Amino acid sequence: MLLIVLGAASFAGWKYLYKPLEPIPAPVFVPEQPKEVITPPLSLEQEDYQEIEEQEVIVVPTVPQPVAEEEPQPDEQAIEEENALAEQENAKQAQIANLLRECQTHLDANRLTTGRQGTALVCYREVLKLEADNAEALDGLQEIERRYKQWAENAFRTNKLNKVRQYVKRLEMVNPQSSILAELRQRLENER
């Protein structure tokens, strides 16, 4: 009996192994596309109440475009502060220009340290309060010193020592450390 069972098993195995093969269709690779389901609005009314089938819509994915980096925007408050500072500086420069014109008028009229309409000395000092290193104002103060020296020289020549003393006092107002002042004081001492 064993032989019969072995024979039947052999026959079945042979039949299984040598069975004609059916052609297998080759797999087709289709990239999966994202799908979006569009459903009609719920308020759509139809008289016959047909069912609305969902329709598949193939959505082609878009390739993300590189986003250009935005330039950093300047801080609006910083811009406003810069503009305000620029306006203040412009106003200051305009004020200085006006003062310098006024100073020149006083200088031209020889209102150096005294005068009811103002003086060159006071005017130039106002400029220097606004801008300590203003070259035109510093030159103006030196011009006042030069004029007093010139007037004192003329007073020495005509022997008007009282006038020289007045010029010396006015020079003290302009620049107490002036070398011109020290020279005039020495000459006055020698004249006694």
N, C-alpha and C. Protein backbone atom coordinates (compact mmCIF):
# COMPACT_ATOMS: atom_id res chain seq x y z
N MET A 1 0.79 -1.14 0.00
CA MET A 1 0.00 0.00 0.00
C MET A 1 0.86 1.24 0.00
N LEU A 2 1.91 1.11 0.62
CA LEU A 2 2.83 2.23 0.67
C LEU A 2 3.23 2.61 -0.74
N LEU A 3 3.36 1.67 -1.56
CA LEU A 3 3.75 1.94 -2.92
C LEU A 3 2.66 2.70 -3.67
N ILE A 4 1.49 2.41 -3.39
CA ILE A 4 0.38 3.08 -4.08
C ILE A 4 0.35 4.54 -3.62
N VAL A 5 0.53 4.77 -2.35
CA VAL A 5 0.47 6.12 -1.81
C VAL A 5 1.66 6.90 -2.38
N LEU A 6 2.81 6.30 -2.44
CA LEU A 6 3.97 6.98 -2.95
C LEU A 6 3.81 7.27 -4.44
N GLY A 7 3.23 6.38 -5.12
CA GLY A 7 3.02 6.57 -6.56
C GLY A 7 2.04 7.69 -6.81
N ALA A 8 0.94 7.73 -6.02
CA ALA A 8 -0.07 8.76 -6.19
C ALA A 8 0.54 10.13 -5.86
N ALA A 9 1.36 10.19 -4.80
CA ALA A 9 1.97 11.46 -4.38
C ALA A 9 2.96 11.91 -5.45
N SER A 10 3.68 10.98 -6.05
CA SER A 10 4.64 11.33 -7.07
C SER A 10 3.91 11.87 -8.30
N PHE A 11 2.80 11.23 -8.64
CA PHE A 11 2.04 11.64 -9.80
C PHE A 11 1.47 13.05 -9.56
N ALA A 12 0.96 13.31 -8.38
CA ALA A 12 0.37 14.61 -8.06
C ALA A 12 1.45 15.69 -8.10
N GLY A 13 2.65 15.38 -7.59
CA GLY A 13 3.73 16.35 -7.58
C GLY A 13 4.19 16.64 -8.99
N TRP A 14 4.24 15.55 -9.80
CA TRP A 14 4.67 15.76 -11.18
C TRP A 14 3.65 16.62 -11.91
N LYS A 15 2.40 16.40 -11.70
CA LYS A 15 1.31 17.12 -12.35
C LYS A 15 1.38 18.61 -11.94
N TYR A 16 1.68 18.81 -10.65
CA TYR A 16 1.73 20.17 -10.14
C TYR A 16 2.92 20.92 -10.72
N LEU A 17 4.06 20.27 -10.79
CA LEU A 17 5.26 20.93 -11.28
C LEU A 17 5.23 21.17 -12.77
N TYR A 18 4.64 20.32 -13.51
CA TYR A 18 4.67 20.45 -14.96
C TYR A 18 3.38 20.96 -15.51
N LYS A 19 2.60 21.63 -14.73
CA LYS A 19 1.33 22.18 -15.17
C LYS A 19 1.64 23.36 -16.08
N PRO A 20 0.86 23.54 -17.16
CA PRO A 20 1.14 24.67 -18.06
C PRO A 20 0.89 26.01 -17.33
N LEU A 21 1.81 26.92 -17.54
CA LEU A 21 1.72 28.21 -16.86
C LEU A 21 0.87 29.20 -17.66
N GLU A 22 0.05 29.92 -16.93
CA GLU A 22 -0.74 30.97 -17.57
C GLU A 22 0.11 32.25 -17.60
N PRO A 23 -0.02 33.00 -18.67
CA PRO A 23 0.80 34.23 -18.73
C PRO A 23 0.38 35.22 -17.62
N ILE A 24 1.36 35.78 -16.96
CA ILE A 24 1.11 36.75 -15.89
C ILE A 24 1.33 38.15 -16.49
N PRO A 25 0.33 38.99 -16.32
CA PRO A 25 0.53 40.34 -16.89
C PRO A 25 1.65 41.09 -16.14
N ALA A 26 2.45 41.84 -16.91
CA ALA A 26 3.56 42.59 -16.32
C ALA A 26 3.00 43.76 -15.51
N PRO A 27 3.56 43.99 -14.34
CA PRO A 27 3.06 45.11 -13.53
C PRO A 27 3.40 46.45 -14.19
N VAL A 28 2.48 47.35 -14.12
CA VAL A 28 2.67 48.69 -14.68
C VAL A 28 2.81 49.65 -13.50
N PHE A 29 3.89 50.39 -13.49
CA PHE A 29 4.11 51.34 -12.40
C PHE A 29 3.53 52.69 -12.80
N VAL A 30 2.56 53.14 -12.04
CA VAL A 30 1.96 54.45 -12.26
C VAL A 30 2.17 55.23 -10.96
N PRO A 31 2.85 56.37 -11.03
CA PRO A 31 3.06 57.12 -9.80
C PRO A 31 1.72 57.55 -9.22
N GLU A 32 1.66 57.43 -7.93
CA GLU A 32 0.41 57.76 -7.26
C GLU A 32 0.26 59.27 -7.21
N GLN A 33 -0.88 59.73 -7.62
CA GLN A 33 -1.18 61.15 -7.63
C GLN A 33 -2.13 61.45 -6.48
N PRO A 34 -1.93 62.59 -5.82
CA PRO A 34 -2.88 62.94 -4.79
C PRO A 34 -4.25 63.18 -5.42
N LYS A 35 -5.24 62.79 -4.74
CA LYS A 35 -6.58 62.94 -5.29
C LYS A 35 -7.38 63.86 -4.41
N GLU A 36 -8.18 64.66 -5.05
CA GLU A 36 -9.05 65.56 -4.32
C GLU A 36 -10.48 65.22 -4.69
N VAL A 37 -11.25 65.13 -3.72
CA VAL A 37 -12.65 64.79 -3.96
C VAL A 37 -13.45 66.08 -3.95
N ILE A 38 -14.19 66.26 -5.01
CA ILE A 38 -15.04 67.44 -5.10
C ILE A 38 -16.47 66.99 -4.87
N THR A 39 -17.07 67.59 -3.93
CA THR A 39 -18.47 67.28 -3.68
C THR A 39 -19.28 68.51 -3.98
N PRO A 40 -20.43 68.33 -4.58
CA PRO A 40 -21.26 69.49 -4.90
C PRO A 40 -21.81 70.09 -3.60
N PRO A 41 -22.20 71.32 -3.66
CA PRO A 41 -22.73 71.95 -2.47
C PRO A 41 -23.97 71.22 -1.97
N LEU A 42 -24.15 71.23 -0.67
CA LEU A 42 -25.27 70.52 -0.07
C LEU A 42 -26.61 71.14 -0.43
N SER A 43 -26.59 72.36 -0.86
CA SER A 43 -27.85 73.02 -1.15
C SER A 43 -28.39 72.71 -2.54
N LEU A 44 -27.65 71.87 -3.28
CA LEU A 44 -28.10 71.53 -4.62
C LEU A 44 -29.37 70.70 -4.54
N GLU A 45 -30.39 71.16 -5.19
CA GLU A 45 -31.67 70.44 -5.16
C GLU A 45 -31.96 69.88 -6.56
N GLN A 46 -32.42 68.66 -6.55
CA GLN A 46 -32.83 68.03 -7.80
C GLN A 46 -34.22 67.43 -7.58
N GLU A 47 -35.04 67.52 -8.58
CA GLU A 47 -36.42 67.05 -8.42
C GLU A 47 -36.50 65.55 -8.24
N ASP A 48 -35.69 64.83 -8.95
CA ASP A 48 -35.78 63.37 -8.84
C ASP A 48 -34.86 62.80 -7.78
N TYR A 49 -34.20 63.62 -7.01
CA TYR A 49 -33.35 63.20 -5.89
C TYR A 49 -32.34 62.14 -6.30
N GLN A 50 -31.71 62.36 -7.42
CA GLN A 50 -30.67 61.43 -7.83
C GLN A 50 -29.50 61.54 -6.88
N GLU A 51 -28.83 60.46 -6.75
CA GLU A 51 -27.61 60.49 -5.94
C GLU A 51 -26.51 61.15 -6.75
N ILE A 52 -25.76 61.92 -6.05
CA ILE A 52 -24.63 62.57 -6.71
C ILE A 52 -23.40 61.76 -6.37
N GLU A 53 -22.74 61.30 -7.42
CA GLU A 53 -21.57 60.48 -7.21
C GLU A 53 -20.35 61.39 -7.02
N GLU A 54 -19.51 60.90 -6.17
CA GLU A 54 -18.27 61.65 -5.98
C GLU A 54 -17.39 61.46 -7.20
N GLN A 55 -16.81 62.54 -7.62
CA GLN A 55 -15.93 62.47 -8.77
C GLN A 55 -14.50 62.64 -8.28
N GLU A 56 -13.68 61.81 -8.83
CA GLU A 56 -12.27 61.93 -8.48
C GLU A 56 -11.61 62.88 -9.47
N VAL A 57 -10.88 63.82 -8.92
CA VAL A 57 -10.15 64.77 -9.74
C VAL A 57 -8.68 64.57 -9.43
N ILE A 58 -7.91 64.41 -10.46
CA ILE A 58 -6.48 64.23 -10.27
C ILE A 58 -5.86 65.61 -10.20
N VAL A 59 -5.17 65.84 -9.11
CA VAL A 59 -4.50 67.13 -8.92
C VAL A 59 -3.01 66.90 -9.12
N VAL A 60 -2.45 67.64 -10.04
CA VAL A 60 -1.02 67.52 -10.31
C VAL A 60 -0.30 68.37 -9.27
N PRO A 61 0.57 67.74 -8.53
CA PRO A 61 1.26 68.53 -7.49
C PRO A 61 2.18 69.56 -8.13
N THR A 62 2.24 70.71 -7.50
CA THR A 62 3.12 71.76 -8.02
C THR A 62 4.46 71.65 -7.30
N VAL A 63 5.48 71.99 -8.03
CA VAL A 63 6.82 71.96 -7.47
C VAL A 63 7.01 73.27 -6.70
N PRO A 64 7.34 73.18 -5.44
CA PRO A 64 7.49 74.43 -4.69
C PRO A 64 8.64 75.26 -5.26
N GLN A 65 8.35 76.53 -5.45
CA GLN A 65 9.36 77.46 -5.98
C GLN A 65 10.16 78.00 -4.80
N PRO A 66 11.46 78.18 -5.00
CA PRO A 66 12.25 78.74 -3.89
C PRO A 66 11.76 80.15 -3.58
N VAL A 67 11.63 80.43 -2.33
CA VAL A 67 11.17 81.74 -1.89
C VAL A 67 12.39 82.64 -1.72
N ALA A 68 12.34 83.77 -2.40
CA ALA A 68 13.44 84.71 -2.29
C ALA A 68 13.41 85.33 -0.90
N GLU A 69 14.57 85.39 -0.29
CA GLU A 69 14.63 85.97 1.04
C GLU A 69 14.40 87.46 0.93
N GLU A 70 13.53 87.97 1.79
CA GLU A 70 13.26 89.39 1.79
C GLU A 70 14.40 90.10 2.51
N GLU A 71 14.72 91.26 1.98
CA GLU A 71 15.74 92.05 2.65
C GLU A 71 15.14 92.55 3.95
N PRO A 72 15.92 92.58 4.97
CA PRO A 72 15.36 93.05 6.24
C PRO A 72 14.91 94.50 6.11
N GLN A 73 13.70 94.75 6.55
CA GLN A 73 13.15 96.10 6.48
C GLN A 73 13.70 96.91 7.65
N PRO A 74 14.16 98.11 7.36
CA PRO A 74 14.67 98.92 8.46
C PRO A 74 13.54 99.25 9.44
N ASP A 75 13.91 99.37 10.65
CA ASP A 75 12.96 99.67 11.70
C ASP A 75 12.38 101.06 11.45
N GLU A 76 11.05 101.15 11.39
CA GLU A 76 10.42 102.43 11.09
C GLU A 76 10.74 103.47 12.14
N GLN A 77 10.81 103.06 13.39
CA GLN A 77 11.13 104.01 14.45
C GLN A 77 12.54 104.55 14.27
N ALA A 78 13.48 103.68 13.87
CA ALA A 78 14.85 104.13 13.65
C ALA A 78 14.91 105.13 12.50
N ILE A 79 14.13 104.88 11.45
CA ILE A 79 14.10 105.80 10.31
C ILE A 79 13.55 107.15 10.75
N GLU A 80 12.47 107.12 11.54
CA GLU A 80 11.87 108.36 12.02
C GLU A 80 12.86 109.13 12.89
N GLU A 81 13.60 108.41 13.73
CA GLU A 81 14.58 109.07 14.58
C GLU A 81 15.69 109.70 13.75
N GLU A 82 16.15 108.97 12.72
CA GLU A 82 17.19 109.51 11.84
C GLU A 82 16.69 110.76 11.13
N ASN A 83 15.45 110.70 10.63
CA ASN A 83 14.88 111.86 9.95
C ASN A 83 14.76 113.05 10.90
N ALA A 84 14.32 112.77 12.14
CA ALA A 84 14.18 113.85 13.12
C ALA A 84 15.55 114.46 13.43
N LEU A 85 16.57 113.60 13.58
CA LEU A 85 17.92 114.11 13.84
C LEU A 85 18.44 114.94 12.66
N ALA A 86 18.16 114.47 11.45
CA ALA A 86 18.60 115.21 10.26
C ALA A 86 17.91 116.57 10.19
N GLU A 87 16.61 116.61 10.52
CA GLU A 87 15.88 117.88 10.52
C GLU A 87 16.45 118.82 11.58
N GLN A 88 16.76 118.28 12.76
CA GLN A 88 17.34 119.11 13.82
C GLN A 88 18.69 119.67 13.39
N GLU A 89 19.50 118.83 12.76
CA GLU A 89 20.82 119.27 12.30
C GLU A 89 20.68 120.35 11.22
N ASN A 90 19.73 120.17 10.30
CA ASN A 90 19.50 121.17 9.25
C ASN A 90 19.05 122.49 9.86
N ALA A 91 18.16 122.42 10.86
CA ALA A 91 17.67 123.63 11.52
C ALA A 91 18.83 124.32 12.25
N LYS A 92 19.68 123.53 12.90
CA LYS A 92 20.82 124.08 13.61
C LYS A 92 21.78 124.78 12.65
N GLN A 93 22.06 124.13 11.50
CA GLN A 93 22.97 124.73 10.52
C GLN A 93 22.39 126.02 9.94
N ALA A 94 21.07 126.05 9.73
CA ALA A 94 20.43 127.27 9.24
C ALA A 94 20.53 128.38 10.28
N GLN A 95 20.35 128.05 11.55
CA GLN A 95 20.46 129.02 12.64
C GLN A 95 21.89 129.57 12.71
N ILE A 96 22.87 128.68 12.58
CA ILE A 96 24.27 129.11 12.61
C ILE A 96 24.57 130.06 11.45
N ALA A 97 24.07 129.71 10.26
CA ALA A 97 24.31 130.56 9.09
C ALA A 97 23.72 131.95 9.30
N ASN A 98 22.51 132.01 9.86
CA ASN A 98 21.88 133.31 10.13
C ASN A 98 22.68 134.11 11.16
N LEU A 99 23.12 133.42 12.23
CA LEU A 99 23.92 134.10 13.25
C LEU A 99 25.22 134.63 12.68
N LEU A 100 25.87 133.85 11.83
CA LEU A 100 27.15 134.30 11.27
C LEU A 100 26.97 135.54 10.40
N ARG A 101 25.84 135.61 9.68
CA ARG A 101 25.56 136.83 8.89
C ARG A 101 25.38 138.03 9.83
N GLU A 102 24.67 137.79 10.93
CA GLU A 102 24.45 138.86 11.91
C GLU A 102 25.78 139.29 12.54
N CYS A 103 26.63 138.31 12.86
CA CYS A 103 27.95 138.61 13.45
C CYS A 103 28.78 139.47 12.52
N GLN A 104 28.74 139.13 11.23
CA GLN A 104 29.51 139.90 10.25
C GLN A 104 29.01 141.33 10.17
N THR A 105 27.70 141.50 10.29
CA THR A 105 27.13 142.85 10.27
C THR A 105 27.65 143.66 11.45
N HIS A 106 27.68 143.05 12.64
CA HIS A 106 28.21 143.73 13.82
C HIS A 106 29.70 144.05 13.64
N LEU A 107 30.43 143.10 13.11
CA LEU A 107 31.87 143.29 12.90
C LEU A 107 32.11 144.43 11.91
N ASP A 108 31.35 144.45 10.82
CA ASP A 108 31.50 145.51 9.82
C ASP A 108 31.17 146.88 10.40
N ALA A 109 30.24 146.93 11.36
CA ALA A 109 29.85 148.20 11.98
C ALA A 109 30.73 148.53 13.19
N ASN A 110 31.76 147.72 13.44
CA ASN A 110 32.66 147.90 14.58
C ASN A 110 31.93 147.86 15.92
N ARG A 111 30.86 147.11 15.99
CA ARG A 111 30.20 146.84 17.27
C ARG A 111 30.83 145.56 17.81
N LEU A 112 32.04 145.70 18.32
CA LEU A 112 32.81 144.52 18.71
C LEU A 112 32.37 143.97 20.05
N THR A 113 32.38 144.82 21.09
CA THR A 113 32.00 144.35 22.43
C THR A 113 30.94 145.22 23.08
N THR A 114 30.61 146.36 22.47
CA THR A 114 29.57 147.23 22.99
C THR A 114 28.66 147.65 21.85
N GLY A 115 27.40 147.86 22.19
CA GLY A 115 26.45 148.32 21.18
C GLY A 115 25.04 147.94 21.58
N ARG A 116 24.11 148.85 21.30
CA ARG A 116 22.71 148.61 21.66
C ARG A 116 22.06 147.58 20.75
N GLN A 117 22.52 147.47 19.53
CA GLN A 117 21.91 146.55 18.55
C GLN A 117 22.54 145.16 18.60
N GLY A 118 23.39 144.94 19.57
CA GLY A 118 24.09 143.67 19.66
C GLY A 118 25.56 143.87 19.37
N THR A 119 26.35 142.82 19.64
CA THR A 119 27.78 142.93 19.41
C THR A 119 28.29 141.68 18.70
N ALA A 120 29.42 141.84 18.07
CA ALA A 120 30.05 140.71 17.38
C ALA A 120 30.48 139.65 18.39
N LEU A 121 30.98 140.11 19.55
CA LEU A 121 31.44 139.16 20.57
C LEU A 121 30.30 138.25 21.03
N VAL A 122 29.17 138.83 21.40
CA VAL A 122 28.02 138.04 21.87
C VAL A 122 27.54 137.11 20.76
N CYS A 123 27.50 137.64 19.56
CA CYS A 123 27.01 136.86 18.42
C CYS A 123 27.90 135.65 18.14
N TYR A 124 29.21 135.86 18.09
CA TYR A 124 30.12 134.74 17.82
C TYR A 124 30.08 133.70 18.94
N ARG A 125 29.90 134.16 20.16
CA ARG A 125 29.78 133.20 21.28
C ARG A 125 28.51 132.37 21.16
N GLU A 126 27.45 132.95 20.65
CA GLU A 126 26.20 132.19 20.42
C GLU A 126 26.44 131.09 19.39
N VAL A 127 27.18 131.41 18.36
CA VAL A 127 27.52 130.41 17.34
C VAL A 127 28.32 129.29 17.97
N LEU A 128 29.29 129.65 18.82
CA LEU A 128 30.15 128.63 19.44
C LEU A 128 29.39 127.77 20.45
N LYS A 129 28.29 128.28 21.00
CA LYS A 129 27.45 127.44 21.86
C LYS A 129 26.77 126.34 21.03
N LEU A 130 26.42 126.69 19.81
CA LEU A 130 25.76 125.72 18.93
C LEU A 130 26.77 124.76 18.29
N GLU A 131 27.96 125.30 17.98
CA GLU A 131 28.99 124.49 17.32
C GLU A 131 30.35 124.97 17.81
N ALA A 132 30.87 124.26 18.79
CA ALA A 132 32.06 124.70 19.51
C ALA A 132 33.29 124.91 18.63
N ASP A 133 33.39 124.22 17.52
CA ASP A 133 34.59 124.33 16.69
C ASP A 133 34.32 125.07 15.37
N ASN A 134 33.33 125.94 15.37
CA ASN A 134 32.99 126.67 14.15
C ASN A 134 34.14 127.60 13.79
N ALA A 135 34.78 127.35 12.68
CA ALA A 135 35.97 128.08 12.25
C ALA A 135 35.67 129.56 12.01
N GLU A 136 34.51 129.85 11.43
CA GLU A 136 34.19 131.24 11.12
C GLU A 136 34.01 132.07 12.40
N ALA A 137 33.39 131.47 13.40
CA ALA A 137 33.21 132.16 14.68
C ALA A 137 34.55 132.36 15.39
N LEU A 138 35.39 131.33 15.37
CA LEU A 138 36.72 131.46 15.99
C LEU A 138 37.55 132.52 15.29
N ASP A 139 37.47 132.57 13.95
CA ASP A 139 38.18 133.62 13.20
C ASP A 139 37.62 134.99 13.54
N GLY A 140 36.30 135.07 13.75
CA GLY A 140 35.68 136.35 14.10
C GLY A 140 36.20 136.88 15.43
N LEU A 141 36.34 135.99 16.42
CA LEU A 141 36.88 136.41 17.72
C LEU A 141 38.32 136.89 17.58
N GLN A 142 39.10 136.23 16.74
CA GLN A 142 40.49 136.68 16.52
C GLN A 142 40.52 138.03 15.81
N GLU A 143 39.56 138.25 14.92
CA GLU A 143 39.49 139.54 14.23
C GLU A 143 39.17 140.66 15.22
N ILE A 144 38.30 140.38 16.21
CA ILE A 144 38.01 141.38 17.24
C ILE A 144 39.29 141.74 17.99
N GLU A 145 40.07 140.74 18.35
CA GLU A 145 41.35 140.98 19.04
C GLU A 145 42.29 141.82 18.18
N ARG A 146 42.38 141.49 16.89
CA ARG A 146 43.28 142.23 15.99
C ARG A 146 42.86 143.71 15.88
N ARG A 147 41.53 143.91 15.81
CA ARG A 147 41.07 145.31 15.69
C ARG A 147 41.38 146.11 16.96
N TYR A 148 41.17 145.50 18.13
CA TYR A 148 41.49 146.22 19.36
C TYR A 148 43.00 146.50 19.44
N LYS A 149 43.80 145.58 18.98
CA LYS A 149 45.25 145.81 18.98
C LYS A 149 45.59 146.99 18.07
N GLN A 150 44.96 147.00 16.88
CA GLN A 150 45.21 148.08 15.91
C GLN A 150 44.77 149.42 16.51
N TRP A 151 43.63 149.47 17.14
CA TRP A 151 43.14 150.72 17.72
C TRP A 151 44.03 151.16 18.88
N ALA A 152 44.50 150.17 19.67
CA ALA A 152 45.40 150.51 20.78
C ALA A 152 46.71 151.07 20.26
N GLU A 153 47.24 150.50 19.17
CA GLU A 153 48.47 151.01 18.57
C GLU A 153 48.29 152.47 18.15
N ASN A 154 47.16 152.77 17.52
CA ASN A 154 46.89 154.16 17.10
C ASN A 154 46.80 155.08 18.33
N ALA A 155 46.16 154.56 19.41
CA ALA A 155 46.04 155.37 20.63
C ALA A 155 47.41 155.60 21.27
N PHE A 156 48.29 154.60 21.23
CA PHE A 156 49.65 154.77 21.76
C PHE A 156 50.38 155.86 20.97
N ARG A 157 50.24 155.87 19.65
CA ARG A 157 50.94 156.84 18.80
C ARG A 157 50.48 158.27 19.11
N THR A 158 49.21 158.41 19.42
CA THR A 158 48.67 159.75 19.71
C THR A 158 48.69 160.04 21.21
N ASN A 159 49.29 159.14 21.98
CA ASN A 159 49.46 159.28 23.43
C ASN A 159 48.10 159.39 24.15
N LYS A 160 47.12 158.61 23.71
CA LYS A 160 45.81 158.57 24.36
C LYS A 160 45.74 157.28 25.18
N LEU A 161 46.39 157.31 26.34
CA LEU A 161 46.51 156.11 27.15
C LEU A 161 45.17 155.68 27.76
N ASN A 162 44.27 156.62 27.99
CA ASN A 162 42.94 156.25 28.49
C ASN A 162 42.21 155.37 27.47
N LYS A 163 42.37 155.70 26.22
CA LYS A 163 41.75 154.88 25.16
C LYS A 163 42.37 153.48 25.17
N VAL A 164 43.68 153.42 25.34
CA VAL A 164 44.38 152.13 25.36
C VAL A 164 43.83 151.28 26.50
N ARG A 165 43.62 151.94 27.67
CA ARG A 165 43.08 151.20 28.82
C ARG A 165 41.67 150.65 28.52
N GLN A 166 40.86 151.43 27.81
CA GLN A 166 39.51 150.95 27.43
C GLN A 166 39.62 149.72 26.51
N TYR A 167 40.54 149.80 25.57
CA TYR A 167 40.71 148.67 24.65
C TYR A 167 41.21 147.43 25.38
N VAL A 168 42.07 147.65 26.37
CA VAL A 168 42.58 146.54 27.16
C VAL A 168 41.42 145.87 27.92
N LYS A 169 40.54 146.67 28.53
CA LYS A 169 39.38 146.11 29.26
C LYS A 169 38.48 145.31 28.31
N ARG A 170 38.29 145.82 27.14
CA ARG A 170 37.42 145.12 26.17
C ARG A 170 38.08 143.83 25.67
N LEU A 171 39.39 143.90 25.53
CA LEU A 171 40.12 142.68 25.14
C LEU A 171 40.01 141.61 26.22
N GLU A 172 39.99 142.04 27.48
CA GLU A 172 39.82 141.08 28.58
C GLU A 172 38.49 140.34 28.45
N MET A 173 37.46 141.04 27.95
CA MET A 173 36.15 140.41 27.75
C MET A 173 36.21 139.37 26.64
N VAL A 174 37.00 139.66 25.62
CA VAL A 174 37.08 138.77 24.46
C VAL A 174 37.89 137.53 24.81
N ASN A 175 39.12 137.74 25.34
CA ASN A 175 40.01 136.60 25.63
C ASN A 175 41.01 137.01 26.71
N PRO A 176 40.72 136.62 27.95
CA PRO A 176 41.64 137.01 29.03
C PRO A 176 43.02 136.40 28.89
N GLN A 177 43.17 135.35 28.09
CA GLN A 177 44.46 134.69 27.91
C GLN A 177 45.20 135.17 26.66
N SER A 178 44.72 136.20 26.03
CA SER A 178 45.26 136.67 24.75
C SER A 178 46.69 137.18 24.90
N SER A 179 47.53 136.81 23.96
CA SER A 179 48.90 137.33 23.95
C SER A 179 48.90 138.81 23.60
N ILE A 180 47.92 139.24 22.80
CA ILE A 180 47.81 140.66 22.45
C ILE A 180 47.52 141.47 23.71
N LEU A 181 46.63 140.94 24.55
CA LEU A 181 46.28 141.60 25.81
C LEU A 181 47.51 141.74 26.70
N ALA A 182 48.27 140.68 26.83
CA ALA A 182 49.48 140.72 27.68
C ALA A 182 50.48 141.74 27.15
N GLU A 183 50.61 141.82 25.83
CA GLU A 183 51.54 142.78 25.21
C GLU A 183 51.09 144.21 25.48
N LEU A 184 49.79 144.49 25.35
CA LEU A 184 49.28 145.84 25.58
C LEU A 184 49.42 146.24 27.05
N ARG A 185 49.20 145.33 27.95
CA ARG A 185 49.36 145.61 29.39
C ARG A 185 50.82 145.98 29.69
N GLN A 186 51.73 145.24 29.10
CA GLN A 186 53.16 145.51 29.32
C GLN A 186 53.53 146.90 28.81
N ARG A 187 53.02 147.27 27.67
CA ARG A 187 53.32 148.58 27.09
C ARG A 187 52.75 149.70 27.95
N LEU A 188 51.54 149.46 28.51
CA LEU A 188 50.95 150.46 29.41
C LEU A 188 51.81 150.65 30.65
N GLU A 189 52.30 149.57 31.20
CA GLU A 189 53.19 149.63 32.37
C GLU A 189 54.46 150.42 32.05
N ASN A 190 54.97 150.24 30.86
CA ASN A 190 56.20 150.93 30.45
C ASN A 190 55.96 152.44 30.25
N GLU A 191 54.73 152.83 29.93
CA GLU A 191 54.41 154.22 29.66
C GLU A 191 54.25 155.02 30.95
N ARG A 192 54.12 154.41 32.09
CA ARG A 192 53.95 155.13 33.35
C ARG A 192 55.18 155.77 33.77
